[in-house]
């Protein structure tokens, strides 16, 4: 079993009947990201992340359906996605590749947990 397959099973569990709108659990993360669309870069913060996508704030001022690149400026890691909607001062972006999304969402959650632990420890 590949690492991505194992991670997919851990995060997504058994396939649902389709009754739920979201296939994967969302995790709160506060990390800086860049959203690149039409040659413009918007500095954003992650509100939450899942294997399927990310919600960023503030709203990325592009039409729904726009293809974007979500990039972590600290590591250079980037993924392509599509803007699904805008609400509550933020934008929802679906990752083009769920396999890549699984890896990125896990990495972001782990980085967020490390930052939280460092703040608590004072380091």
N, C-alpha and C. Protein backbone atom coordinates (compact mmCIF):
# COMPACT_ATOMS: atom_id res chain seq x y z
N UNK A 1 0.86 -1.17 0.00
CA UNK A 1 0.00 0.00 0.00
C UNK A 1 0.90 1.23 0.00
N UNK A 2 0.62 2.18 -0.90
CA UNK A 2 1.42 3.40 -0.97
C UNK A 2 1.10 4.31 0.22
N UNK A 3 2.00 5.24 0.46
CA UNK A 3 1.81 6.20 1.54
C UNK A 3 0.54 7.02 1.31
N UNK A 4 0.34 7.48 0.08
CA UNK A 4 -0.84 8.29 -0.22
C UNK A 4 -2.12 7.48 -0.02
N UNK A 5 -2.12 6.22 -0.42
CA UNK A 5 -3.29 5.36 -0.22
C UNK A 5 -3.57 5.20 1.27
N UNK A 6 -2.54 4.94 2.04
CA UNK A 6 -2.70 4.79 3.49
C UNK A 6 -3.25 6.07 4.11
N UNK A 7 -2.66 7.21 3.72
CA UNK A 7 -3.08 8.49 4.26
C UNK A 7 -4.52 8.80 3.85
N UNK A 8 -4.88 8.48 2.60
CA UNK A 8 -6.26 8.70 2.13
C UNK A 8 -7.24 7.93 3.01
N UNK A 9 -6.95 6.66 3.31
CA UNK A 9 -7.84 5.86 4.14
C UNK A 9 -7.95 6.42 5.55
N UNK A 10 -6.83 6.92 6.09
CA UNK A 10 -6.85 7.49 7.44
C UNK A 10 -7.68 8.77 7.49
N UNK A 11 -7.55 9.62 6.47
CA UNK A 11 -8.25 10.89 6.48
C UNK A 11 -9.69 10.79 6.01
N UNK A 12 -9.94 10.00 4.98
CA UNK A 12 -11.27 9.96 4.39
C UNK A 12 -12.13 8.83 4.92
N UNK A 13 -11.49 7.76 5.41
CA UNK A 13 -12.25 6.62 5.91
C UNK A 13 -13.04 5.97 4.79
N UNK A 14 -14.05 5.19 5.16
CA UNK A 14 -14.86 4.53 4.15
C UNK A 14 -15.59 5.55 3.28
N UNK A 15 -15.75 5.23 2.03
CA UNK A 15 -16.46 6.13 1.12
C UNK A 15 -17.90 6.26 1.55
N UNK A 16 -18.36 7.51 1.61
CA UNK A 16 -19.73 7.75 2.05
C UNK A 16 -20.70 7.52 0.91
N UNK A 17 -21.98 7.52 1.24
CA UNK A 17 -23.03 7.29 0.26
C UNK A 17 -23.26 8.49 -0.64
N UNK A 18 -22.55 9.58 -0.37
CA UNK A 18 -22.75 10.80 -1.15
C UNK A 18 -23.73 11.75 -0.50
N UNK A 19 -24.31 11.33 0.63
CA UNK A 19 -25.27 12.18 1.32
C UNK A 19 -24.60 13.40 1.93
N UNK A 20 -23.32 13.28 2.30
CA UNK A 20 -22.61 14.41 2.87
C UNK A 20 -22.01 15.25 1.76
N UNK A 21 -22.04 16.56 1.94
CA UNK A 21 -21.49 17.45 0.93
C UNK A 21 -19.97 17.35 0.87
N UNK A 22 -19.33 17.28 2.02
CA UNK A 22 -17.88 17.20 2.08
C UNK A 22 -17.43 15.76 2.29
N UNK A 23 -16.42 15.36 1.53
CA UNK A 23 -15.90 14.00 1.66
C UNK A 23 -14.87 13.88 2.77
N UNK A 24 -14.21 14.98 3.11
CA UNK A 24 -13.14 14.89 4.09
C UNK A 24 -13.29 15.96 5.17
N UNK A 25 -12.79 15.65 6.32
CA UNK A 25 -12.89 16.53 7.48
C UNK A 25 -12.04 17.78 7.27
N UNK A 26 -12.55 18.90 7.75
CA UNK A 26 -11.81 20.16 7.68
C UNK A 26 -11.10 20.40 9.01
N UNK A 27 -9.91 20.99 8.91
CA UNK A 27 -9.10 21.24 10.09
C UNK A 27 -8.74 22.73 10.14
N UNK A 28 -8.93 23.35 11.31
CA UNK A 28 -8.54 24.76 11.43
C UNK A 28 -7.02 24.89 11.41
N UNK A 29 -6.53 25.77 10.60
CA UNK A 29 -5.09 26.03 10.50
C UNK A 29 -4.93 27.52 10.27
N UNK A 30 -3.98 28.14 10.90
CA UNK A 30 -3.69 29.55 10.62
C UNK A 30 -2.26 29.62 10.09
N UNK A 31 -2.16 29.74 8.79
CA UNK A 31 -0.87 29.78 8.13
C UNK A 31 -0.98 30.71 6.93
N UNK A 32 0.09 31.41 6.61
CA UNK A 32 0.07 32.30 5.47
C UNK A 32 0.19 31.55 4.16
N UNK A 33 -0.54 32.00 3.16
CA UNK A 33 -0.48 31.44 1.81
C UNK A 33 -0.59 32.56 0.81
N UNK A 34 -0.18 32.26 -0.41
CA UNK A 34 -0.41 33.15 -1.53
C UNK A 34 -1.38 32.46 -2.47
N UNK A 35 -2.32 33.21 -3.01
CA UNK A 35 -3.21 32.70 -4.04
C UNK A 35 -2.91 33.50 -5.30
N UNK A 36 -2.52 32.79 -6.34
CA UNK A 36 -2.12 33.43 -7.59
C UNK A 36 -3.19 33.16 -8.63
N UNK A 37 -3.72 34.25 -9.20
CA UNK A 37 -4.76 34.14 -10.22
C UNK A 37 -4.58 35.25 -11.24
N UNK A 38 -4.62 34.89 -12.49
CA UNK A 38 -4.52 35.88 -13.57
C UNK A 38 -3.28 36.77 -13.42
N UNK A 39 -2.16 36.19 -12.96
CA UNK A 39 -0.92 36.93 -12.82
C UNK A 39 -0.83 37.81 -11.59
N UNK A 40 -1.87 37.83 -10.77
CA UNK A 40 -1.86 38.63 -9.53
C UNK A 40 -1.71 37.70 -8.34
N UNK A 41 -0.95 38.14 -7.36
CA UNK A 41 -0.74 37.37 -6.14
C UNK A 41 -1.45 38.05 -4.98
N UNK A 42 -2.26 37.29 -4.26
CA UNK A 42 -2.96 37.79 -3.07
C UNK A 42 -2.40 37.10 -1.84
N UNK A 43 -1.99 37.88 -0.86
CA UNK A 43 -1.53 37.32 0.42
C UNK A 43 -2.77 36.95 1.23
N UNK A 44 -2.82 35.71 1.69
CA UNK A 44 -3.98 35.21 2.43
C UNK A 44 -3.51 34.43 3.65
N UNK A 45 -4.48 34.09 4.46
CA UNK A 45 -4.26 33.22 5.62
C UNK A 45 -5.23 32.05 5.48
N UNK A 46 -4.75 30.86 5.80
CA UNK A 46 -5.60 29.68 5.77
C UNK A 46 -6.56 29.75 6.94
N UNK A 47 -7.84 29.53 6.67
CA UNK A 47 -8.84 29.44 7.73
C UNK A 47 -9.04 27.98 8.11
N UNK A 48 -9.18 27.12 7.10
CA UNK A 48 -9.24 25.68 7.34
C UNK A 48 -8.80 24.95 6.09
N UNK A 49 -8.44 23.69 6.27
CA UNK A 49 -7.92 22.90 5.15
C UNK A 49 -8.43 21.48 5.26
N UNK A 50 -8.60 20.84 4.12
CA UNK A 50 -8.96 19.43 4.06
C UNK A 50 -8.23 18.82 2.89
N UNK A 51 -8.42 17.54 2.69
CA UNK A 51 -7.80 16.88 1.54
C UNK A 51 -8.34 17.44 0.23
N UNK A 52 -9.56 17.96 0.25
CA UNK A 52 -10.18 18.45 -0.97
C UNK A 52 -9.92 19.90 -1.29
N UNK A 53 -9.56 20.70 -0.27
CA UNK A 53 -9.36 22.11 -0.55
C UNK A 53 -9.04 22.93 0.67
N UNK A 54 -9.13 24.23 0.49
CA UNK A 54 -8.73 25.15 1.54
C UNK A 54 -9.67 26.36 1.51
N UNK A 55 -9.91 26.92 2.69
CA UNK A 55 -10.64 28.19 2.77
C UNK A 55 -9.63 29.23 3.22
N UNK A 56 -9.54 30.32 2.45
CA UNK A 56 -8.59 31.37 2.76
C UNK A 56 -9.32 32.67 3.05
N UNK A 57 -8.69 33.50 3.86
CA UNK A 57 -9.19 34.85 4.13
C UNK A 57 -8.03 35.81 3.91
N UNK A 58 -8.29 37.00 3.43
CA UNK A 58 -9.57 37.54 3.00
C UNK A 58 -9.99 36.95 1.65
N UNK A 59 -11.14 37.40 1.18
CA UNK A 59 -11.67 36.95 -0.09
C UNK A 59 -10.69 37.25 -1.22
N UNK A 60 -10.48 36.26 -2.07
CA UNK A 60 -9.67 36.46 -3.28
C UNK A 60 -10.62 37.03 -4.34
N UNK A 61 -10.32 38.19 -4.82
CA UNK A 61 -11.23 38.92 -5.71
C UNK A 61 -11.13 38.41 -7.15
N UNK A 62 -11.62 37.20 -7.38
CA UNK A 62 -11.72 36.60 -8.71
C UNK A 62 -13.08 35.93 -8.83
N UNK A 63 -13.57 35.74 -10.04
CA UNK A 63 -14.87 35.08 -10.19
C UNK A 63 -14.82 33.60 -9.78
N UNK A 64 -15.96 33.11 -9.33
CA UNK A 64 -16.10 31.68 -9.04
C UNK A 64 -15.77 30.93 -10.33
N UNK A 65 -15.02 29.84 -10.19
CA UNK A 65 -14.62 29.03 -11.34
C UNK A 65 -13.22 29.35 -11.83
N UNK A 66 -12.62 30.42 -11.31
CA UNK A 66 -11.27 30.79 -11.72
C UNK A 66 -10.28 29.74 -11.23
N UNK A 67 -9.37 29.34 -12.12
CA UNK A 67 -8.30 28.43 -11.75
C UNK A 67 -7.19 29.26 -11.10
N UNK A 68 -6.74 28.80 -9.93
CA UNK A 68 -5.73 29.52 -9.16
C UNK A 68 -4.61 28.58 -8.76
N UNK A 69 -3.52 29.17 -8.32
CA UNK A 69 -2.43 28.42 -7.70
C UNK A 69 -2.35 28.85 -6.25
N UNK A 70 -2.37 27.89 -5.35
CA UNK A 70 -2.23 28.15 -3.92
C UNK A 70 -0.79 27.80 -3.57
N UNK A 71 -0.06 28.77 -3.01
CA UNK A 71 1.38 28.60 -2.79
C UNK A 71 1.76 28.97 -1.36
N UNK A 72 2.59 28.13 -0.76
CA UNK A 72 3.17 28.43 0.55
C UNK A 72 4.48 29.16 0.30
N UNK A 73 4.57 30.45 0.62
CA UNK A 73 5.80 31.19 0.32
C UNK A 73 7.01 30.70 1.12
N UNK A 74 6.78 30.08 2.27
CA UNK A 74 7.89 29.61 3.08
C UNK A 74 8.60 28.41 2.45
N UNK A 75 7.84 27.55 1.78
CA UNK A 75 8.44 26.33 1.22
C UNK A 75 8.44 26.30 -0.30
N UNK A 76 7.63 27.15 -0.91
CA UNK A 76 7.50 27.13 -2.36
C UNK A 76 6.54 26.06 -2.86
N UNK A 77 5.97 25.26 -1.94
CA UNK A 77 5.02 24.22 -2.32
C UNK A 77 3.77 24.87 -2.89
N UNK A 78 3.29 24.34 -4.02
CA UNK A 78 2.09 24.93 -4.61
C UNK A 78 1.20 23.86 -5.21
N UNK A 79 -0.08 24.19 -5.27
CA UNK A 79 -1.10 23.32 -5.85
C UNK A 79 -2.04 24.16 -6.68
N UNK A 80 -2.55 23.56 -7.73
CA UNK A 80 -3.57 24.23 -8.53
C UNK A 80 -4.94 23.91 -7.95
N UNK A 81 -5.85 24.82 -8.13
CA UNK A 81 -7.21 24.62 -7.64
C UNK A 81 -8.18 25.50 -8.38
N UNK A 82 -9.43 25.43 -7.96
CA UNK A 82 -10.50 26.21 -8.55
C UNK A 82 -11.29 26.89 -7.45
N UNK A 83 -11.58 28.17 -7.63
CA UNK A 83 -12.37 28.91 -6.66
C UNK A 83 -13.81 28.43 -6.75
N UNK A 84 -14.33 27.93 -5.63
CA UNK A 84 -15.70 27.41 -5.58
C UNK A 84 -16.71 28.45 -5.12
N UNK A 85 -16.25 29.41 -4.32
CA UNK A 85 -17.19 30.40 -3.82
C UNK A 85 -16.53 31.36 -2.86
N UNK A 86 -17.29 32.40 -2.52
CA UNK A 86 -16.85 33.43 -1.58
C UNK A 86 -17.95 33.59 -0.54
N UNK A 87 -17.55 33.62 0.71
CA UNK A 87 -18.54 33.82 1.78
C UNK A 87 -17.82 34.17 3.07
N UNK A 88 -18.47 34.95 3.90
CA UNK A 88 -17.93 35.27 5.22
C UNK A 88 -16.54 35.87 5.21
N UNK A 89 -16.22 36.66 4.19
CA UNK A 89 -14.91 37.30 4.14
C UNK A 89 -13.79 36.41 3.65
N UNK A 90 -14.13 35.26 3.07
CA UNK A 90 -13.10 34.36 2.58
C UNK A 90 -13.50 33.69 1.28
N UNK A 91 -12.59 32.89 0.74
CA UNK A 91 -12.82 32.16 -0.51
C UNK A 91 -12.53 30.68 -0.29
N UNK A 92 -13.34 29.84 -0.95
CA UNK A 92 -13.13 28.39 -0.90
C UNK A 92 -12.49 27.94 -2.20
N UNK A 93 -11.40 27.17 -2.07
CA UNK A 93 -10.67 26.68 -3.23
C UNK A 93 -10.60 25.16 -3.15
N UNK A 94 -11.02 24.50 -4.25
CA UNK A 94 -10.92 23.04 -4.33
C UNK A 94 -9.60 22.70 -5.02
N UNK A 95 -8.82 21.79 -4.40
CA UNK A 95 -7.58 21.35 -5.02
C UNK A 95 -7.88 20.53 -6.27
N UNK A 96 -7.06 20.72 -7.31
CA UNK A 96 -7.24 19.97 -8.56
C UNK A 96 -6.91 18.49 -8.35
N UNK A 97 -6.01 18.18 -7.43
CA UNK A 97 -5.61 16.81 -7.15
C UNK A 97 -5.87 16.49 -5.68
N UNK A 98 -6.79 15.56 -5.42
CA UNK A 98 -7.06 15.20 -4.03
C UNK A 98 -5.88 14.50 -3.39
N UNK A 99 -5.12 13.71 -4.17
CA UNK A 99 -3.94 13.05 -3.60
C UNK A 99 -2.94 14.09 -3.10
N UNK A 100 -2.69 15.11 -3.90
CA UNK A 100 -1.79 16.18 -3.46
C UNK A 100 -2.41 16.92 -2.29
N UNK A 101 -3.72 17.11 -2.33
CA UNK A 101 -4.41 17.78 -1.23
C UNK A 101 -4.27 17.05 0.09
N UNK A 102 -4.30 15.73 0.04
CA UNK A 102 -4.12 14.92 1.26
C UNK A 102 -2.76 15.21 1.87
N UNK A 103 -1.74 15.22 1.05
CA UNK A 103 -0.38 15.47 1.54
C UNK A 103 -0.26 16.88 2.08
N UNK A 104 -0.76 17.86 1.34
CA UNK A 104 -0.66 19.26 1.76
C UNK A 104 -1.46 19.52 3.02
N UNK A 105 -2.68 19.00 3.10
CA UNK A 105 -3.50 19.26 4.28
C UNK A 105 -2.86 18.63 5.52
N UNK A 106 -2.28 17.45 5.37
CA UNK A 106 -1.58 16.82 6.50
C UNK A 106 -0.38 17.65 6.91
N UNK A 107 0.40 18.09 5.94
CA UNK A 107 1.58 18.88 6.22
C UNK A 107 1.20 20.19 6.91
N UNK A 108 0.14 20.86 6.42
CA UNK A 108 -0.28 22.13 7.02
C UNK A 108 -0.78 21.93 8.44
N UNK A 109 -1.52 20.85 8.68
CA UNK A 109 -2.01 20.58 10.03
C UNK A 109 -0.83 20.35 10.96
N UNK A 110 0.16 19.57 10.51
CA UNK A 110 1.32 19.28 11.35
C UNK A 110 2.10 20.57 11.63
N UNK A 111 2.26 21.42 10.62
CA UNK A 111 2.96 22.69 10.81
C UNK A 111 2.20 23.57 11.79
N UNK A 112 0.88 23.59 11.68
CA UNK A 112 0.05 24.37 12.60
C UNK A 112 0.16 23.87 14.03
N UNK A 113 0.19 22.55 14.19
CA UNK A 113 0.32 21.97 15.53
C UNK A 113 1.69 22.31 16.11
N UNK A 114 2.73 22.30 15.29
CA UNK A 114 4.08 22.64 15.76
C UNK A 114 4.14 24.10 16.21
N UNK A 115 3.51 25.00 15.41
CA UNK A 115 3.48 26.42 15.78
C UNK A 115 2.74 26.63 17.09
N UNK A 116 1.62 25.92 17.27
CA UNK A 116 0.83 26.05 18.50
C UNK A 116 1.63 25.55 19.70
N UNK A 117 2.31 24.42 19.54
CA UNK A 117 3.12 23.86 20.63
C UNK A 117 4.26 24.81 20.98
N UNK A 118 4.87 25.44 19.97
CA UNK A 118 5.96 26.37 20.23
C UNK A 118 5.47 27.58 21.00
N UNK A 119 4.26 28.08 20.70
CA UNK A 119 3.71 29.22 21.43
C UNK A 119 3.43 28.84 22.88
N UNK A 120 2.94 27.65 23.12
CA UNK A 120 2.64 27.21 24.47
C UNK A 120 3.93 27.02 25.26
N UNK A 121 4.96 26.44 24.61
CA UNK A 121 6.23 26.20 25.28
C UNK A 121 7.08 27.46 25.41
N UNK A 122 6.72 28.50 24.63
CA UNK A 122 7.50 29.72 24.67
C UNK A 122 8.75 29.66 23.84
N UNK A 123 8.84 28.65 22.94
CA UNK A 123 10.04 28.55 22.11
C UNK A 123 9.80 29.07 20.73
